[in-house]
Amino acid sequence: MQAMVALPMRLSFYIYFFQIFSPKPVLRWSIWIGAIITTIFYTTITIIMFCLTTPRHGVTLAEQYESFLNQKTSPQLTAIFALGYFNVLSDLYILALPISGVMGLNLQPKRKAGVILIFMTGLL
């Protein structure tokens, strides 16, 4: 499941940013809030996906998969779309955290732009 890989990866970003920007109270709270919301979402979506994709009694995995493919809408697709939307939003949030932290540093504008560009490589 993608959510089981995404949670530790995103939490590692939050921990890294916490180590860098923890003296700033606003960023410290933003990092904590992001980490908590991310953990709650990915834990919940993992449990939901396990419940939705586990075959019921008397149904084989192949039958369950075939019925999933034949449906135009299903709870599984709704959960997958929710996961995709949350991934995009959390990526943008993780990208915005260091940029807002760098903007508050006492650096020359050229150096500030260079540091921001380093963090912006996450867009690639």
PDB file of N, CA and C in Angstrom:
ATOM      1  N   MET A   1       0.834  -1.181   0.000  1.00  0.00           N
ATOM      2  CA  MET A   1       0.000   0.000   0.000  1.00  0.00           C
ATOM      3  C   MET A   1       0.884   1.251   0.000  1.00  0.00           C
ATOM      4  N   GLN A   2       0.488   2.174  -0.809  1.00  0.00           N
ATOM      5  CA  GLN A   2       1.250   3.410  -0.963  1.00  0.00           C
ATOM      6  C   GLN A   2       1.282   4.211   0.323  1.00  0.00           C
ATOM      7  N   ALA A   3       0.211   4.174   1.085  1.00  0.00           N
ATOM      8  CA  ALA A   3       0.141   4.964   2.321  1.00  0.00           C
ATOM      9  C   ALA A   3       1.154   4.482   3.357  1.00  0.00           C
ATOM     10  N   MET A   4       1.478   3.203   3.337  1.00  0.00           N
ATOM     11  CA  MET A   4       2.426   2.666   4.311  1.00  0.00           C
ATOM     12  C   MET A   4       3.848   3.146   4.020  1.00  0.00           C
ATOM     13  N   VAL A   5       4.121   3.514   2.791  1.00  0.00           N
ATOM     14  CA  VAL A   5       5.432   4.043   2.425  1.00  0.00           C
ATOM     15  C   VAL A   5       5.456   5.563   2.575  1.00  0.00           C
ATOM     16  N   ALA A   6       4.346   6.201   2.251  1.00  0.00           N
ATOM     17  CA  ALA A   6       4.295   7.666   2.262  1.00  0.00           C
ATOM     18  C   ALA A   6       4.383   8.235   3.674  1.00  0.00           C
ATOM     19  N   LEU A   7       3.809   7.571   4.655  1.00  0.00           N
ATOM     20  CA  LEU A   7       3.818   8.110   6.015  1.00  0.00           C
ATOM     21  C   LEU A   7       5.236   8.262   6.570  1.00  0.00           C
ATOM     22  N   PRO A   8       6.076   7.219   6.570  1.00  0.00           N
ATOM     23  CA  PRO A   8       7.434   7.423   7.093  1.00  0.00           C
ATOM     24  C   PRO A   8       8.238   8.440   6.283  1.00  0.00           C
ATOM     25  N   MET A   9       8.000   8.480   4.975  1.00  0.00           N
ATOM     26  CA  MET A   9       8.728   9.436   4.138  1.00  0.00           C
ATOM     27  C   MET A   9       8.356  10.869   4.520  1.00  0.00           C
ATOM     28  N   ARG A  10       7.074  11.140   4.660  1.00  0.00           N
ATOM     29  CA  ARG A  10       6.644  12.493   5.009  1.00  0.00           C
ATOM     30  C   ARG A  10       7.035  12.856   6.441  1.00  0.00           C
ATOM     31  N   LEU A  11       6.958  11.897   7.335  1.00  0.00           N
ATOM     32  CA  LEU A  11       7.376  12.167   8.711  1.00  0.00           C
ATOM     33  C   LEU A  11       8.865  12.491   8.785  1.00  0.00           C
ATOM     34  N   SER A  12       9.659  11.871   7.923  1.00  0.00           N
ATOM     35  CA  SER A  12      11.095  12.189   7.922  1.00  0.00           C
ATOM     36  C   SER A  12      11.332  13.635   7.495  1.00  0.00           C
ATOM     37  N   PHE A  13      10.524  14.134   6.549  1.00  0.00           N
ATOM     38  CA  PHE A  13      10.624  15.551   6.195  1.00  0.00           C
ATOM     39  C   PHE A  13      10.264  16.441   7.365  1.00  0.00           C
ATOM     40  N   TYR A  14       9.181  16.108   8.072  1.00  0.00           N
ATOM     41  CA  TYR A  14       8.768  16.913   9.222  1.00  0.00           C
ATOM     42  C   TYR A  14       9.848  16.913  10.312  1.00  0.00           C
ATOM     43  N   ILE A  15      10.453  15.761  10.571  1.00  0.00           N
ATOM     44  CA  ILE A  15      11.514  15.683  11.582  1.00  0.00           C
ATOM     45  C   ILE A  15      12.720  16.517  11.158  1.00  0.00           C
ATOM     46  N   TYR A  16      13.071  16.421   9.892  1.00  0.00           N
ATOM     47  CA  TYR A  16      14.205  17.194   9.377  1.00  0.00           C
ATOM     48  C   TYR A  16      13.940  18.688   9.500  1.00  0.00           C
ATOM     49  N   PHE A  17      12.757  19.128   9.091  1.00  0.00           N
ATOM     50  CA  PHE A  17      12.417  20.543   9.191  1.00  0.00           C
ATOM     51  C   PHE A  17      12.320  20.994  10.642  1.00  0.00           C
ATOM     52  N   PHE A  18      11.878  20.106  11.522  1.00  0.00           N
ATOM     53  CA  PHE A  18      11.808  20.451  12.945  1.00  0.00           C
ATOM     54  C   PHE A  18      13.207  20.706  13.503  1.00  0.00           C
ATOM     55  N   GLN A  19      14.167  19.901  13.058  1.00  0.00           N
ATOM     56  CA  GLN A  19      15.539  20.096  13.521  1.00  0.00           C
ATOM     57  C   GLN A  19      16.110  21.421  13.010  1.00  0.00           C
ATOM     58  N   ILE A  20      15.744  21.805  11.813  1.00  0.00           N
ATOM     59  CA  ILE A  20      16.284  23.031  11.233  1.00  0.00           C
ATOM     60  C   ILE A  20      15.571  24.269  11.770  1.00  0.00           C
ATOM     61  N   PHE A  21      14.246  24.240  11.800  1.00  0.00           N
ATOM     62  CA  PHE A  21      13.465  25.445  12.062  1.00  0.00           C
ATOM     63  C   PHE A  21      12.789  25.461  13.434  1.00  0.00           C
ATOM     64  N   SER A  22      13.195  24.620  14.376  1.00  0.00           N
ATOM     65  CA  SER A  22      12.506  24.566  15.668  1.00  0.00           C
ATOM     66  C   SER A  22      12.600  25.847  16.497  1.00  0.00           C
ATOM     67  N   PRO A  23      13.618  26.703  16.343  1.00  0.00           N
ATOM     68  CA  PRO A  23      13.595  27.945  17.133  1.00  0.00           C
ATOM     69  C   PRO A  23      12.428  28.876  16.794  1.00  0.00           C
ATOM     70  N   LYS A  24      11.845  28.743  15.619  1.00  0.00           N
ATOM     71  CA  LYS A  24      10.731  29.605  15.223  1.00  0.00           C
ATOM     72  C   LYS A  24       9.423  28.963  15.682  1.00  0.00           C
ATOM     73  N   PRO A  25       8.717  29.606  16.625  1.00  0.00           N
ATOM     74  CA  PRO A  25       7.500  28.999  17.194  1.00  0.00           C
ATOM     75  C   PRO A  25       6.414  28.696  16.163  1.00  0.00           C
ATOM     76  N   VAL A  26       6.209  29.590  15.207  1.00  0.00           N
ATOM     77  CA  VAL A  26       5.148  29.353  14.219  1.00  0.00           C
ATOM     78  C   VAL A  26       5.467  28.131  13.372  1.00  0.00           C
ATOM     79  N   LEU A  27       6.716  28.013  12.925  1.00  0.00           N
ATOM     80  CA  LEU A  27       7.094  26.844  12.127  1.00  0.00           C
ATOM     81  C   LEU A  27       7.074  25.572  12.959  1.00  0.00           C
ATOM     82  N   ARG A  28       7.474  25.669  14.217  1.00  0.00           N
ATOM     83  CA  ARG A  28       7.459  24.490  15.083  1.00  0.00           C
ATOM     84  C   ARG A  28       6.029  23.954  15.192  1.00  0.00           C
ATOM     85  N   TRP A  29       5.061  24.850  15.433  1.00  0.00           N
ATOM     86  CA  TRP A  29       3.668  24.412  15.531  1.00  0.00           C
ATOM     87  C   TRP A  29       3.136  23.932  14.185  1.00  0.00           C
ATOM     88  N   SER A  30       3.534  24.565  13.109  1.00  0.00           N
ATOM     89  CA  SER A  30       3.103  24.129  11.775  1.00  0.00           C
ATOM     90  C   SER A  30       3.617  22.729  11.470  1.00  0.00           C
ATOM     91  N   ILE A  31       4.838  22.455  11.865  1.00  0.00           N
ATOM     92  CA  ILE A  31       5.420  21.126  11.641  1.00  0.00           C
ATOM     93  C   ILE A  31       4.676  20.089  12.472  1.00  0.00           C
ATOM     94  N   TRP A  32       4.416  20.392  13.740  1.00  0.00           N
ATOM     95  CA  TRP A  32       3.683  19.452  14.600  1.00  0.00           C
ATOM     96  C   TRP A  32       2.284  19.183  14.044  1.00  0.00           C
ATOM     97  N   ILE A  33       1.585  20.227  13.645  1.00  0.00           N
ATOM     98  CA  ILE A  33       0.228  20.052  13.115  1.00  0.00           C
ATOM     99  C   ILE A  33       0.256  19.218  11.837  1.00  0.00           C
ATOM    100  N   GLY A  34       1.186  19.513  10.946  1.00  0.00           N
ATOM    101  CA  GLY A  34       1.307  18.732   9.714  1.00  0.00           C
ATOM    102  C   GLY A  34       1.623  17.271   9.987  1.00  0.00           C
ATOM    103  N   ALA A  35       2.531  17.012  10.919  1.00  0.00           N
ATOM    104  CA  ALA A  35       2.905  15.631  11.232  1.00  0.00           C
ATOM    105  C   ALA A  35       1.729  14.868  11.848  1.00  0.00           C
ATOM    106  N   ILE A  36       0.985  15.515  12.717  1.00  0.00           N
ATOM    107  CA  ILE A  36      -0.154  14.849  13.367  1.00  0.00           C
ATOM    108  C   ILE A  36      -1.260  14.562  12.360  1.00  0.00           C
ATOM    109  N   ILE A  37      -1.601  15.553  11.529  1.00  0.00           N
ATOM    110  CA  ILE A  37      -2.652  15.339  10.531  1.00  0.00           C
ATOM    111  C   ILE A  37      -2.232  14.262   9.530  1.00  0.00           C
ATOM    112  N   THR A  38      -0.976  14.281   9.110  1.00  0.00           N
ATOM    113  CA  THR A  38      -0.481  13.269   8.175  1.00  0.00           C
ATOM    114  C   THR A  38      -0.542  11.875   8.783  1.00  0.00           C
ATOM    115  N   THR A  39      -0.132  11.739  10.025  1.00  0.00           N
ATOM    116  CA  THR A  39      -0.164  10.433  10.684  1.00  0.00           C
ATOM    117  C   THR A  39      -1.588   9.915  10.825  1.00  0.00           C
ATOM    118  N   ILE A  40      -2.485  10.784  11.242  1.00  0.00           N
ATOM    119  CA  ILE A  40      -3.889  10.368  11.405  1.00  0.00           C
ATOM    120  C   ILE A  40      -4.481   9.962  10.058  1.00  0.00           C
ATOM    121  N   PHE A  41      -4.237  10.753   9.014  1.00  0.00           N
ATOM    122  CA  PHE A  41      -4.819  10.443   7.711  1.00  0.00           C
ATOM    123  C   PHE A  41      -4.295   9.127   7.160  1.00  0.00           C
ATOM    124  N   TYR A  42      -2.968   8.958   7.139  1.00  0.00           N
ATOM    125  CA  TYR A  42      -2.410   7.748   6.533  1.00  0.00           C
ATOM    126  C   TYR A  42      -2.746   6.493   7.343  1.00  0.00           C
ATOM    127  N   THR A  43      -2.806   6.602   8.651  1.00  0.00           N
ATOM    128  CA  THR A  43      -3.214   5.448   9.458  1.00  0.00           C
ATOM    129  C   THR A  43      -4.661   5.079   9.164  1.00  0.00           C
ATOM    130  N   THR A  44      -5.520   6.085   9.098  1.00  0.00           N
ATOM    131  CA  THR A  44      -6.933   5.845   8.822  1.00  0.00           C
ATOM    132  C   THR A  44      -7.147   5.275   7.429  1.00  0.00           C
ATOM    133  N   ILE A  45      -6.500   5.844   6.425  1.00  0.00           N
ATOM    134  CA  ILE A  45      -6.696   5.371   5.053  1.00  0.00           C
ATOM    135  C   ILE A  45      -6.140   3.959   4.876  1.00  0.00           C
ATOM    136  N   THR A  46      -5.081   3.612   5.584  1.00  0.00           N
ATOM    137  CA  THR A  46      -4.544   2.252   5.508  1.00  0.00           C
ATOM    138  C   THR A  46      -5.540   1.255   6.078  1.00  0.00           C
ATOM    139  N   ILE A  47      -6.119   1.571   7.223  1.00  0.00           N
ATOM    140  CA  ILE A  47      -7.122   0.678   7.830  1.00  0.00           C
ATOM    141  C   ILE A  47      -8.338   0.557   6.922  1.00  0.00           C
ATOM    142  N   ILE A  48      -8.800   1.686   6.376  1.00  0.00           N
ATOM    143  CA  ILE A  48      -9.965   1.660   5.486  1.00  0.00           C
ATOM    144  C   ILE A  48      -9.683   0.805   4.249  1.00  0.00           C
ATOM    145  N   MET A  49      -8.518   0.981   3.649  1.00  0.00           N
ATOM    146  CA  MET A  49      -8.199   0.206   2.440  1.00  0.00           C
ATOM    147  C   MET A  49      -8.068  -1.287   2.737  1.00  0.00           C
ATOM    148  N   PHE A  50      -7.508  -1.629   3.893  1.00  0.00           N
ATOM    149  CA  PHE A  50      -7.453  -3.048   4.259  1.00  0.00           C
ATOM    150  C   PHE A  50      -8.853  -3.617   4.431  1.00  0.00           C
ATOM    151  N   CYS A  51      -9.737  -2.867   5.052  1.00  0.00           N
ATOM    152  CA  CYS A  51     -11.111  -3.334   5.251  1.00  0.00           C
ATOM    153  C   CYS A  51     -11.862  -3.441   3.926  1.00  0.00           C
ATOM    154  N   LEU A  52     -11.660  -2.493   3.031  1.00  0.00           N
ATOM    155  CA  LEU A  52     -12.386  -2.492   1.764  1.00  0.00           C
ATOM    156  C   LEU A  52     -11.868  -3.535   0.783  1.00  0.00           C
ATOM    157  N   THR A  53     -10.607  -3.862   0.849  1.00  0.00           N
ATOM    158  CA  THR A  53     -10.034  -4.783  -0.139  1.00  0.00           C
ATOM    159  C   THR A  53      -9.921  -6.217   0.343  1.00  0.00           C
ATOM    160  N   THR A  54     -10.226  -6.469   1.599  1.00  0.00           N
ATOM    161  CA  THR A  54     -10.196  -7.840   2.101  1.00  0.00           C
ATOM    162  C   THR A  54     -11.429  -8.577   1.596  1.00  0.00           C
ATOM    163  N   PRO A  55     -11.252  -9.716   0.938  1.00  0.00           N
ATOM    164  CA  PRO A  55     -12.413 -10.453   0.433  1.00  0.00           C
ATOM    165  C   PRO A  55     -13.308 -10.932   1.580  1.00  0.00           C
ATOM    166  N   ARG A  56     -14.609 -10.863   1.358  1.00  0.00           N
ATOM    167  CA  ARG A  56     -15.569 -11.345   2.345  1.00  0.00           C
ATOM    168  C   ARG A  56     -15.605 -12.862   2.330  1.00  0.00           C
ATOM    169  N   HIS A  57     -16.250 -13.422   3.314  1.00  0.00           N
ATOM    170  CA  HIS A  57     -16.338 -14.872   3.449  1.00  0.00           C
ATOM    171  C   HIS A  57     -17.008 -15.471   2.210  1.00  0.00           C
ATOM    172  N   GLY A  58     -16.367 -16.451   1.601  1.00  0.00           N
ATOM    173  CA  GLY A  58     -16.907 -17.134   0.439  1.00  0.00           C
ATOM    174  C   GLY A  58     -16.561 -16.470  -0.885  1.00  0.00           C
ATOM    175  N   VAL A  59     -15.825 -15.374  -0.882  1.00  0.00           N
ATOM    176  CA  VAL A  59     -15.440 -14.668  -2.102  1.00  0.00           C
ATOM    177  C   VAL A  59     -13.924 -14.780  -2.251  1.00  0.00           C
ATOM    178  N   THR A  60     -13.491 -15.202  -3.437  1.00  0.00           N
ATOM    179  CA  THR A  60     -12.051 -15.299  -3.657  1.00  0.00           C
ATOM    180  C   THR A  60     -11.487 -13.911  -3.968  1.00  0.00           C
ATOM    181  N   LEU A  61     -10.201 -13.802  -3.876  1.00  0.00           N
ATOM    182  CA  LEU A  61      -9.540 -12.535  -4.164  1.00  0.00           C
ATOM    183  C   LEU A  61      -9.745 -12.132  -5.622  1.00  0.00           C
ATOM    184  N   ALA A  62      -9.717 -13.123  -6.527  1.00  0.00           N
ATOM    185  CA  ALA A  62      -9.925 -12.844  -7.955  1.00  0.00           C
ATOM    186  C   ALA A  62     -11.339 -12.314  -8.206  1.00  0.00           C
ATOM    187  N   GLU A  63     -12.338 -12.898  -7.550  1.00  0.00           N
ATOM    188  CA  GLU A  63     -13.712 -12.420  -7.710  1.00  0.00           C
ATOM    189  C   GLU A  63     -13.873 -11.008  -7.165  1.00  0.00           C
ATOM    190  N   GLN A  64     -13.266 -10.749  -6.037  1.00  0.00           N
ATOM    191  CA  GLN A  64     -13.340  -9.409  -5.443  1.00  0.00           C
ATOM    192  C   GLN A  64     -12.688  -8.391  -6.377  1.00  0.00           C
ATOM    193  N   TYR A  65     -11.542  -8.739  -6.927  1.00  0.00           N
ATOM    194  CA  TYR A  65     -10.828  -7.829  -7.826  1.00  0.00           C
ATOM    195  C   TYR A  65     -11.638  -7.582  -9.095  1.00  0.00           C
ATOM    196  N   GLU A  66     -12.248  -8.636  -9.635  1.00  0.00           N
ATOM    197  CA  GLU A  66     -13.053  -8.502 -10.847  1.00  0.00           C
ATOM    198  C   GLU A  66     -14.276  -7.612 -10.608  1.00  0.00           C
ATOM    199  N   SER A  67     -14.920  -7.766  -9.472  1.00  0.00           N
ATOM    200  CA  SER A  67     -16.079  -6.921  -9.179  1.00  0.00           C
ATOM    201  C   SER A  67     -15.656  -5.469  -8.977  1.00  0.00           C
ATOM    202  N   PHE A  68     -14.470  -5.274  -8.442  1.00  0.00           N
ATOM    203  CA  PHE A  68     -13.942  -3.918  -8.275  1.00  0.00           C
ATOM    204  C   PHE A  68     -13.705  -3.265  -9.629  1.00  0.00           C
ATOM    205  N   LEU A  69     -13.189  -4.016 -10.593  1.00  0.00           N
ATOM    206  CA  LEU A  69     -12.909  -3.467 -11.916  1.00  0.00           C
ATOM    207  C   LEU A  69     -14.184  -3.155 -12.702  1.00  0.00           C
ATOM    208  N   ASN A  70     -15.260  -3.889 -12.437  1.00  0.00           N
ATOM    209  CA  ASN A  70     -16.501  -3.693 -13.183  1.00  0.00           C
ATOM    210  C   ASN A  70     -17.348  -2.540 -12.659  1.00  0.00           C
ATOM    211  N   GLN A  71     -17.027  -2.011 -11.512  1.00  0.00           N
ATOM    212  CA  GLN A  71     -17.814  -0.920 -10.943  1.00  0.00           C
ATOM    213  C   GLN A  71     -17.291   0.424 -11.429  1.00  0.00           C
ATOM    214  N   LYS A  72     -18.229   1.348 -11.683  1.00  0.00           N
ATOM    215  CA  LYS A  72     -17.819   2.698 -12.082  1.00  0.00           C
ATOM    216  C   LYS A  72     -17.438   3.524 -10.863  1.00  0.00           C
ATOM    217  N   THR A  73     -18.139   3.348  -9.767  1.00  0.00           N
ATOM    218  CA  THR A  73     -17.792   4.006  -8.510  1.00  0.00           C
ATOM    219  C   THR A  73     -17.837   2.971  -7.409  1.00  0.00           C
ATOM    220  N   SER A  74     -16.967   3.138  -6.457  1.00  0.00           N
ATOM    221  CA  SER A  74     -16.931   2.213  -5.334  1.00  0.00           C
ATOM    222  C   SER A  74     -16.259   2.906  -4.156  1.00  0.00           C
ATOM    223  N   PRO A  75     -16.420   2.356  -2.972  1.00  0.00           N
ATOM    224  CA  PRO A  75     -15.719   2.944  -1.824  1.00  0.00           C
ATOM    225  C   PRO A  75     -14.201   2.917  -1.991  1.00  0.00           C
ATOM    226  N   GLN A  76     -13.698   1.885  -2.676  1.00  0.00           N
ATOM    227  CA  GLN A  76     -12.257   1.800  -2.897  1.00  0.00           C
ATOM    228  C   GLN A  76     -11.764   2.971  -3.746  1.00  0.00           C
ATOM    229  N   LEU A  77     -12.509   3.299  -4.813  1.00  0.00           N
ATOM    230  CA  LEU A  77     -12.105   4.418  -5.668  1.00  0.00           C
ATOM    231  C   LEU A  77     -12.183   5.736  -4.917  1.00  0.00           C
ATOM    232  N   THR A  78     -13.195   5.888  -4.084  1.00  0.00           N
ATOM    233  CA  THR A  78     -13.312   7.105  -3.286  1.00  0.00           C
ATOM    234  C   THR A  78     -12.112   7.247  -2.357  1.00  0.00           C
ATOM    235  N   ALA A  79     -11.705   6.148  -1.725  1.00  0.00           N
ATOM    236  CA  ALA A  79     -10.543   6.184  -0.835  1.00  0.00           C
ATOM    237  C   ALA A  79      -9.265   6.477  -1.613  1.00  0.00           C
ATOM    238  N   ILE A  80      -9.151   5.932  -2.815  1.00  0.00           N
ATOM    239  CA  ILE A  80      -7.962   6.179  -3.635  1.00  0.00           C
ATOM    240  C   ILE A  80      -7.894   7.648  -4.057  1.00  0.00           C
ATOM    241  N   PHE A  81      -9.033   8.229  -4.438  1.00  0.00           N
ATOM    242  CA  PHE A  81      -9.054   9.649  -4.793  1.00  0.00           C
ATOM    243  C   PHE A  81      -8.726  10.526  -3.587  1.00  0.00           C
ATOM    244  N   ALA A  82      -9.263  10.167  -2.430  1.00  0.00           N
ATOM    245  CA  ALA A  82      -8.949  10.929  -1.213  1.00  0.00           C
ATOM    246  C   ALA A  82      -7.454  10.866  -0.917  1.00  0.00           C
ATOM    247  N   LEU A  83      -6.861   9.701  -1.113  1.00  0.00           N
ATOM    248  CA  LEU A  83      -5.419   9.544  -0.908  1.00  0.00           C
ATOM    249  C   LEU A  83      -4.634  10.415  -1.885  1.00  0.00           C
ATOM    250  N   GLY A  84      -5.063  10.444  -3.140  1.00  0.00           N
ATOM    251  CA  GLY A  84      -4.377  11.264  -4.132  1.00  0.00           C
ATOM    252  C   GLY A  84      -4.458  12.749  -3.818  1.00  0.00           C
ATOM    253  N   TYR A  85      -5.650  13.212  -3.430  1.00  0.00           N
ATOM    254  CA  TYR A  85      -5.803  14.627  -3.075  1.00  0.00           C
ATOM    255  C   TYR A  85      -4.953  14.985  -1.860  1.00  0.00           C
ATOM    256  N   PHE A  86      -4.955  14.109  -0.868  1.00  0.00           N
ATOM    257  CA  PHE A  86      -4.169  14.394   0.324  1.00  0.00           C
ATOM    258  C   PHE A  86      -2.674  14.393   0.008  1.00  0.00           C
ATOM    259  N   ASN A  87      -2.238  13.502  -0.871  1.00  0.00           N
ATOM    260  CA  ASN A  87      -0.824  13.476  -1.259  1.00  0.00           C
ATOM    261  C   ASN A  87      -0.392  14.802  -1.868  1.00  0.00           C
ATOM    262  N   VAL A  88      -1.208  15.339  -2.758  1.00  0.00           N
ATOM    263  CA  VAL A  88      -0.869  16.612  -3.403  1.00  0.00           C
ATOM    264  C   VAL A  88      -0.829  17.733  -2.367  1.00  0.00           C
ATOM    265  N   LEU A  89      -1.853  17.794  -1.512  1.00  0.00           N
ATOM    266  CA  LEU A  89      -1.905  18.851  -0.503  1.00  0.00           C
ATOM    267  C   LEU A  89      -0.752  18.757   0.493  1.00  0.00           C
ATOM    268  N   SER A  90      -0.435  17.536   0.921  1.00  0.00           N
ATOM    269  CA  SER A  90       0.663  17.397   1.883  1.00  0.00           C
ATOM    270  C   SER A  90       2.014  17.686   1.229  1.00  0.00           C
ATOM    271  N   ASP A  91       2.158  17.361  -0.050  1.00  0.00           N
ATOM    272  CA  ASP A  91       3.396  17.712  -0.753  1.00  0.00           C
ATOM    273  C   ASP A  91       3.578  19.224  -0.820  1.00  0.00           C
ATOM    274  N   LEU A  92       2.504  19.938  -1.152  1.00  0.00           N
ATOM    275  CA  LEU A  92       2.587  21.400  -1.209  1.00  0.00           C
ATOM    276  C   LEU A  92       2.864  21.992   0.176  1.00  0.00           C
ATOM    277  N   TYR A  93       2.276  21.414   1.198  1.00  0.00           N
ATOM    278  CA  TYR A  93       2.500  21.885   2.566  1.00  0.00           C
ATOM    279  C   TYR A  93       3.957  21.667   2.981  1.00  0.00           C
ATOM    280  N   ILE A  94       4.479  20.482   2.667  1.00  0.00           N
ATOM    281  CA  ILE A  94       5.875  20.174   3.000  1.00  0.00           C
ATOM    282  C   ILE A  94       6.818  21.080   2.208  1.00  0.00           C
ATOM    283  N   LEU A  95       6.438  21.448   1.001  1.00  0.00           N
ATOM    284  CA  LEU A  95       7.256  22.361   0.206  1.00  0.00           C
ATOM    285  C   LEU A  95       7.203  23.782   0.751  1.00  0.00           C
ATOM    286  N   ALA A  96       6.061  24.188   1.275  1.00  0.00           N
ATOM    287  CA  ALA A  96       5.901  25.558   1.781  1.00  0.00           C
ATOM    288  C   ALA A  96       6.597  25.774   3.127  1.00  0.00           C
ATOM    289  N   LEU A  97       6.737  24.734   3.926  1.00  0.00           N
ATOM    290  CA  LEU A  97       7.348  24.896   5.251  1.00  0.00           C
ATOM    291  C   LEU A  97       8.762  25.462   5.195  1.00  0.00           C
ATOM    292  N   PRO A  98       9.683  24.864   4.443  1.00  0.00           N
ATOM    293  CA  PRO A  98      11.039  25.424   4.449  1.00  0.00           C
ATOM    294  C   PRO A  98      11.123  26.781   3.745  1.00  0.00           C
ATOM    295  N   ILE A  99      10.258  27.010   2.758  1.00  0.00           N
ATOM    296  CA  ILE A  99      10.294  28.301   2.075  1.00  0.00           C
ATOM    297  C   ILE A  99       9.917  29.414   3.041  1.00  0.00           C
ATOM    298  N   SER A 100       8.878  29.192   3.850  1.00  0.00           N
ATOM    299  CA  SER A 100       8.492  30.215   4.823  1.00  0.00           C
ATOM    300  C   SER A 100       9.577  30.375   5.892  1.00  0.00           C
ATOM    301  N   GLY A 101      10.269  29.293   6.224  1.00  0.00           N
ATOM    302  CA  GLY A 101      11.359  29.388   7.192  1.00  0.00           C
ATOM    303  C   GLY A 101      12.541  30.160   6.662  1.00  0.00           C
ATOM    304  N   VAL A 102      12.868  29.956   5.400  1.00  0.00           N
ATOM    305  CA  VAL A 102      14.008  30.649   4.792  1.00  0.00           C
ATOM    306  C   VAL A 102      13.697  32.130   4.604  1.00  0.00           C
ATOM    307  N   MET A 103      12.452  32.452   4.312  1.00  0.00           N
ATOM    308  CA  MET A 103      12.086  33.861   4.108  1.00  0.00           C
ATOM    309  C   MET A 103      12.334  34.692   5.369  1.00  0.00           C
ATOM    310  N   GLY A 104      12.269  34.061   6.529  1.00  0.00           N
ATOM    311  CA  GLY A 104      12.490  34.780   7.775  1.00  0.00           C
ATOM    312  C   GLY A 104      13.947  34.878   8.192  1.00  0.00           C
ATOM    313  N   LEU A 105      14.848  34.250   7.451  1.00  0.00           N
ATOM    314  CA  LEU A 105      16.263  34.295   7.807  1.00  0.00           C
ATOM    315  C   LEU A 105      16.879  35.639   7.437  1.00  0.00           C
ATOM    316  N   ASN A 106      17.912  35.992   8.146  1.00  0.00           N
ATOM    317  CA  ASN A 106      18.619  37.242   7.898  1.00  0.00           C
ATOM    318  C   ASN A 106      19.751  36.967   6.902  1.00  0.00           C
ATOM    319  N   LEU A 107      19.373  36.834   5.631  1.00  0.00           N
ATOM    320  CA  LEU A 107      20.340  36.564   4.556  1.00  0.00           C
ATOM    321  C   LEU A 107      20.182  37.601   3.463  1.00  0.00           C
ATOM    322  N   GLN A 108      21.225  37.695   2.648  1.00  0.00           N
ATOM    323  CA  GLN A 108      21.138  38.544   1.469  1.00  0.00           C
ATOM    324  C   GLN A 108      20.106  37.945   0.517  1.00  0.00           C
ATOM    325  N   PRO A 109      19.438  38.772  -0.264  1.00  0.00           N
ATOM    326  CA  PRO A 109      18.405  38.252  -1.166  1.00  0.00           C
ATOM    327  C   PRO A 109      18.902  37.163  -2.119  1.00  0.00           C
ATOM    328  N   LYS A 110      20.145  37.285  -2.622  1.00  0.00           N
ATOM    329  CA  LYS A 110      20.682  36.255  -3.528  1.00  0.00           C
ATOM    330  C   LYS A 110      20.845  34.922  -2.814  1.00  0.00           C
ATOM    331  N   ARG A 111      21.359  34.966  -1.599  1.00  0.00           N
ATOM    332  CA  ARG A 111      21.543  33.731  -0.831  1.00  0.00           C
ATOM    333  C   ARG A 111      20.192  33.122  -0.461  1.00  0.00           C
ATOM    334  N   LYS A 112      19.259  33.983  -0.096  1.00  0.00           N
ATOM    335  CA  LYS A 112      17.924  33.510   0.248  1.00  0.00           C
ATOM    336  C   LYS A 112      17.290  32.798  -0.948  1.00  0.00           C
ATOM    337  N   ALA A 113      17.428  33.391  -2.132  1.00  0.00           N
ATOM    338  CA  ALA A 113      16.887  32.778  -3.349  1.00  0.00           C
ATOM    339  C   ALA A 113      17.572  31.448  -3.639  1.00  0.00           C
ATOM    340  N   GLY A 114      18.883  31.382  -3.408  1.00  0.00           N
ATOM    341  CA  GLY A 114      19.609  30.129  -3.627  1.00  0.00           C
ATOM    342  C   GLY A 114      19.151  29.022  -2.694  1.00  0.00           C
ATOM    343  N   VAL A 115      18.945  29.352  -1.428  1.00  0.00           N
ATOM    344  CA  VAL A 115      18.476  28.343  -0.467  1.00  0.00           C
ATOM    345  C   VAL A 115      17.068  27.891  -0.823  1.00  0.00           C
ATOM    346  N   ILE A 116      16.218  28.830  -1.221  1.00  0.00           N
ATOM    347  CA  ILE A 116      14.852  28.470  -1.620  1.00  0.00           C
ATOM    348  C   ILE A 116      14.876  27.565  -2.847  1.00  0.00           C
ATOM    349  N   LEU A 117      15.757  27.850  -3.803  1.00  0.00           N
ATOM    350  CA  LEU A 117      15.868  26.997  -4.977  1.00  0.00           C
ATOM    351  C   LEU A 117      16.317  25.582  -4.635  1.00  0.00           C
ATOM    352  N   ILE A 118      17.162  25.465  -3.633  1.00  0.00           N
ATOM    353  CA  ILE A 118      17.576  24.127  -3.188  1.00  0.00           C
ATOM    354  C   ILE A 118      16.379  23.345  -2.672  1.00  0.00           C
ATOM    355  N   PHE A 119      15.550  24.006  -1.859  1.00  0.00           N
ATOM    356  CA  PHE A 119      14.354  23.329  -1.358  1.00  0.00           C
ATOM    357  C   PHE A 119      13.338  23.088  -2.463  1.00  0.00           C
ATOM    358  N   MET A 120      13.316  23.921  -3.485  1.00  0.00           N
ATOM    359  CA  MET A 120      12.363  23.780  -4.574  1.00  0.00           C
ATOM    360  C   MET A 120      12.708  22.597  -5.487  1.00  0.00           C
ATOM    361  N   THR A 121      13.883  22.021  -5.347  1.00  0.00           N
ATOM    362  CA  THR A 121      14.199  20.836  -6.149  1.00  0.00           C
ATOM    363  C   THR A 121      13.230  19.701  -5.841  1.00  0.00           C
ATOM    364  N   GLY A 122      12.487  19.835  -4.737  1.00  0.00           N
ATOM    365  CA  GLY A 122      11.457  18.831  -4.430  1.00  0.00           C
ATOM    366  C   GLY A 122      10.344  18.803  -5.462  1.00  0.00           C
ATOM    367  N   LEU A 123      10.231  19.841  -6.264  1.00  0.00           N
ATOM    368  CA  LEU A 123       9.217  19.842  -7.332  1.00  0.00           C
ATOM    369  C   LEU A 123       9.579  18.899  -8.474  1.00  0.00           C
ATOM    370  N   LEU A 124      10.857  18.594  -8.593  1.00  0.00           N
ATOM    371  CA  LEU A 124      11.272  17.703  -9.672  1.00  0.00           C
ATOM    372  C   LEU A 124      10.854  16.339  -9.329  1.00  0.00           C
TER     373      LEU A 124
END
